C-alpha atoms as a PDB file:
ATOM      1  CA  MET A   1     155.714  34.480  27.341  1.00  0.00           C
ATOM      2  CA  GLU A   2     155.023  34.613  23.603  1.00  0.00           C
ATOM      3  CA  PHE A   3     155.927  31.820  21.210  1.00  0.00           C
ATOM      4  CA  GLU A   4     156.418  32.329  17.525  1.00  0.00           C
ATOM      5  CA  MET A   5     156.022  29.663  14.860  1.00  0.00           C
ATOM      6  CA  SER A   6     158.638  29.593  12.132  1.00  0.00           C
ATOM      7  CA  ALA A   7     159.472  27.440   9.126  1.00  0.00           C
ATOM      8  CA  GLY A   8     162.870  26.485  10.482  1.00  0.00           C
ATOM      9  CA  CYS A   9     164.325  25.693  13.856  1.00  0.00           C
ATOM     10  CA  CYS A  10     166.915  27.604  15.824  1.00  0.00           C
ATOM     11  CA  ASN A  11     166.142  30.808  13.862  1.00  0.00           C
ATOM     12  CA  HIS A  12     167.326  29.268  10.586  1.00  0.00           C
ATOM     13  CA  GLU A  13     165.020  29.781   7.649  1.00  0.00           C
ATOM     14  CA  THR A  14     164.830  26.829   5.279  1.00  0.00           C
ATOM     15  CA  LYS A  15     163.884  27.382   1.666  1.00  0.00           C
ATOM     16  CA  PHE A  16     162.935  24.363  -0.419  1.00  0.00           C
ATOM     17  CA  ASP A  17     162.863  24.937  -4.165  1.00  0.00           C
ATOM     18  CA  GLY A  18     163.274  21.314  -5.285  1.00  0.00           C
ATOM     19  CA  THR A  19     166.356  21.949  -7.357  1.00  0.00           C
ATOM     20  CA  SER A  20     168.745  19.772  -5.340  1.00  0.00           C
ATOM     21  CA  ASN A  21     170.251  16.743  -7.056  1.00  0.00           C
ATOM     22  CA  GLY A  22     169.014  14.463  -4.277  1.00  0.00           C
ATOM     23  CA  PHE A  23     165.419  15.573  -4.763  1.00  0.00           C
ATOM     24  CA  ARG A  24     165.633  15.206  -8.548  1.00  0.00           C
ATOM     25  CA  THR A  25     167.132  11.715  -8.172  1.00  0.00           C
ATOM     26  CA  ALA A  26     164.330  10.729  -5.797  1.00  0.00           C
ATOM     27  CA  LEU A  27     161.742  11.961  -8.316  1.00  0.00           C
ATOM     28  CA  TRP A  28     163.350   9.899 -11.097  1.00  0.00           C
ATOM     29  CA  ILE A  29     163.235   6.795  -8.888  1.00  0.00           C
ATOM     30  CA  VAL A  30     159.566   7.384  -8.063  1.00  0.00           C
ATOM     31  CA  ILE A  31     158.760   7.950 -11.763  1.00  0.00           C
ATOM     32  CA  PHE A  32     160.474   4.678 -12.688  1.00  0.00           C
ATOM     33  CA  ILE A  33     158.701   2.659  -9.984  1.00  0.00           C
ATOM     34  CA  ASN A  34     155.294   4.072 -10.931  1.00  0.00           C
ATOM     35  CA  ALA A  35     155.885   3.456 -14.650  1.00  0.00           C
ATOM     36  CA  ILE A  36     156.849  -0.179 -14.024  1.00  0.00           C
ATOM     37  CA  MET A  37     153.810  -0.712 -11.807  1.00  0.00           C
ATOM     38  CA  PHE A  38     151.581   0.827 -14.501  1.00  0.00           C
ATOM     39  CA  ILE A  39     152.827  -1.719 -17.039  1.00  0.00           C
ATOM     40  CA  VAL A  40     152.572  -4.654 -14.632  1.00  0.00           C
ATOM     41  CA  GLU A  41     149.049  -3.825 -13.448  1.00  0.00           C
ATOM     42  CA  MET A  42     147.715  -2.974 -16.919  1.00  0.00           C
ATOM     43  CA  ILE A  43     148.919  -6.362 -18.214  1.00  0.00           C
ATOM     44  CA  ALA A  44     147.561  -8.168 -15.152  1.00  0.00           C
ATOM     45  CA  GLY A  45     144.257  -6.292 -15.413  1.00  0.00           C
ATOM     46  CA  SER A  46     143.903  -7.200 -19.075  1.00  0.00           C
ATOM     47  CA  ILE A  47     144.674 -10.865 -18.444  1.00  0.00           C
ATOM     48  CA  ALA A  48     142.319 -11.048 -15.455  1.00  0.00           C
ATOM     49  CA  GLY A  49     139.635  -8.839 -17.033  1.00  0.00           C
ATOM     50  CA  SER A  50     139.779  -6.640 -13.934  1.00  0.00           C
ATOM     51  CA  GLN A  51     138.686  -3.008 -14.189  1.00  0.00           C
ATOM     52  CA  SER A  52     140.000  -2.461 -10.654  1.00  0.00           C
ATOM     53  CA  LEU A  53     143.545  -3.411 -11.653  1.00  0.00           C
ATOM     54  CA  LYS A  54     143.302  -1.264 -14.781  1.00  0.00           C
ATOM     55  CA  ALA A  55     142.066   1.680 -12.706  1.00  0.00           C
ATOM     56  CA  ASP A  56     144.936   1.241 -10.263  1.00  0.00           C
ATOM     57  CA  ALA A  57     147.324   1.007 -13.223  1.00  0.00           C
ATOM     58  CA  LEU A  58     145.975   4.328 -14.496  1.00  0.00           C
ATOM     59  CA  ASP A  59     146.652   5.800 -11.072  1.00  0.00           C
ATOM     60  CA  PHE A  60     150.288   4.690 -11.369  1.00  0.00           C
ATOM     61  CA  PHE A  61     150.428   6.182 -14.873  1.00  0.00           C
ATOM     62  CA  GLY A  62     148.956   9.446 -13.591  1.00  0.00           C
ATOM     63  CA  ASP A  63     151.505   9.530 -10.793  1.00  0.00           C
ATOM     64  CA  SER A  64     154.356   8.935 -13.263  1.00  0.00           C
ATOM     65  CA  VAL A  65     153.190  11.755 -15.491  1.00  0.00           C
ATOM     66  CA  THR A  66     152.557  14.050 -12.536  1.00  0.00           C
ATOM     67  CA  TYR A  67     156.032  13.496 -11.102  1.00  0.00           C
ATOM     68  CA  GLY A  68     157.584  13.895 -14.551  1.00  0.00           C
ATOM     69  CA  ILE A  69     155.817  17.201 -15.086  1.00  0.00           C
ATOM     70  CA  SER A  70     156.803  18.291 -11.577  1.00  0.00           C
ATOM     71  CA  LEU A  71     160.408  17.454 -12.354  1.00  0.00           C
ATOM     72  CA  TYR A  72     160.201  19.547 -15.527  1.00  0.00           C
ATOM     73  CA  VAL A  73     158.704  22.686 -13.911  1.00  0.00           C
ATOM     74  CA  ILE A  74     160.902  22.745 -10.798  1.00  0.00           C
ATOM     75  CA  GLY A  75     162.473  26.165 -10.505  1.00  0.00           C
ATOM     76  CA  MET A  76     160.111  27.827 -12.995  1.00  0.00           C
ATOM     77  CA  SER A  77     157.912  30.812 -12.138  1.00  0.00           C
ATOM     78  CA  LEU A  78     154.959  30.528  -9.770  1.00  0.00           C
ATOM     79  CA  LYS A  79     152.574  31.176 -12.679  1.00  0.00           C
ATOM     80  CA  VAL A  80     154.002  28.244 -14.677  1.00  0.00           C
ATOM     81  CA  ARG A  81     153.910  25.928 -11.655  1.00  0.00           C
ATOM     82  CA  SER A  82     150.334  26.869 -10.674  1.00  0.00           C
ATOM     83  CA  THR A  83     149.059  26.516 -14.256  1.00  0.00           C
ATOM     84  CA  THR A  84     150.777  23.145 -14.461  1.00  0.00           C
ATOM     85  CA  ALA A  85     149.143  22.037 -11.199  1.00  0.00           C
ATOM     86  CA  LEU A  86     145.719  23.022 -12.555  1.00  0.00           C
ATOM     87  CA  LEU A  87     146.291  21.092 -15.795  1.00  0.00           C
ATOM     88  CA  LYS A  88     147.504  18.044 -13.855  1.00  0.00           C
ATOM     89  CA  GLY A  89     144.315  18.139 -11.774  1.00  0.00           C
ATOM     90  CA  ILE A  90     142.143  18.318 -14.888  1.00  0.00           C
ATOM     91  CA  SER A  91     143.981  15.383 -16.479  1.00  0.00           C
ATOM     92  CA  LEU A  92     143.485  13.244 -13.375  1.00  0.00           C
ATOM     93  CA  ALA A  93     139.777  14.105 -13.371  1.00  0.00           C
ATOM     94  CA  LEU A  94     139.539  13.034 -17.017  1.00  0.00           C
ATOM     95  CA  MET A  95     141.149   9.698 -16.183  1.00  0.00           C
ATOM     96  CA  GLY A  96     138.635   9.234 -13.379  1.00  0.00           C
ATOM     97  CA  PHE A  97     135.757   9.910 -15.761  1.00  0.00           C
ATOM     98  CA  TRP A  98     137.240   7.396 -18.225  1.00  0.00           C
ATOM     99  CA  VAL A  99     137.319   4.706 -15.531  1.00  0.00           C
ATOM    100  CA  LEU A 100     133.739   5.543 -14.565  1.00  0.00           C
ATOM    101  CA  ALA A 101     132.620   5.379 -18.204  1.00  0.00           C
ATOM    102  CA  GLN A 102     134.308   1.994 -18.619  1.00  0.00           C
ATOM    103  CA  ARG A 103     132.478   0.699 -15.573  1.00  0.00           C
ATOM    104  CA  CYS A 104     129.108   2.050 -16.732  1.00  0.00           C
ATOM    105  CA  THR A 105     129.594   0.551 -20.205  1.00  0.00           C
ATOM    106  CA  LYS A 106     130.068  -2.881 -18.609  1.00  0.00           C
ATOM    107  CA  CYS A 107     126.779  -2.454 -16.683  1.00  0.00           C
ATOM    108  CA  LEU A 108     124.790  -1.542 -19.782  1.00  0.00           C
ATOM    109  CA  PHE A 109     125.936  -4.447 -21.948  1.00  0.00           C
END
């Protein structure tokens, strides 16, 4: 007996393109939560002098921007979406290098 794997069950193909109102609403909620947490942790990190809290705040900021960009490019061509994903990856790497540089600056002085 041969079994075949498929994306859907019961011979129904499911295509997800992210354009449903429910998915867009969920993205907006996630963007809002991440943006609020960015503000809260950046303030707390500044008050406490904690690089760890600031780094985590930057992660929330990065997530907010990433979800916002994702919301914007939903339904666009594969080329636009893949280029956007590459640029998002580069921006997150730059934020990581910034955090590392901040940490190294503290060690030197």
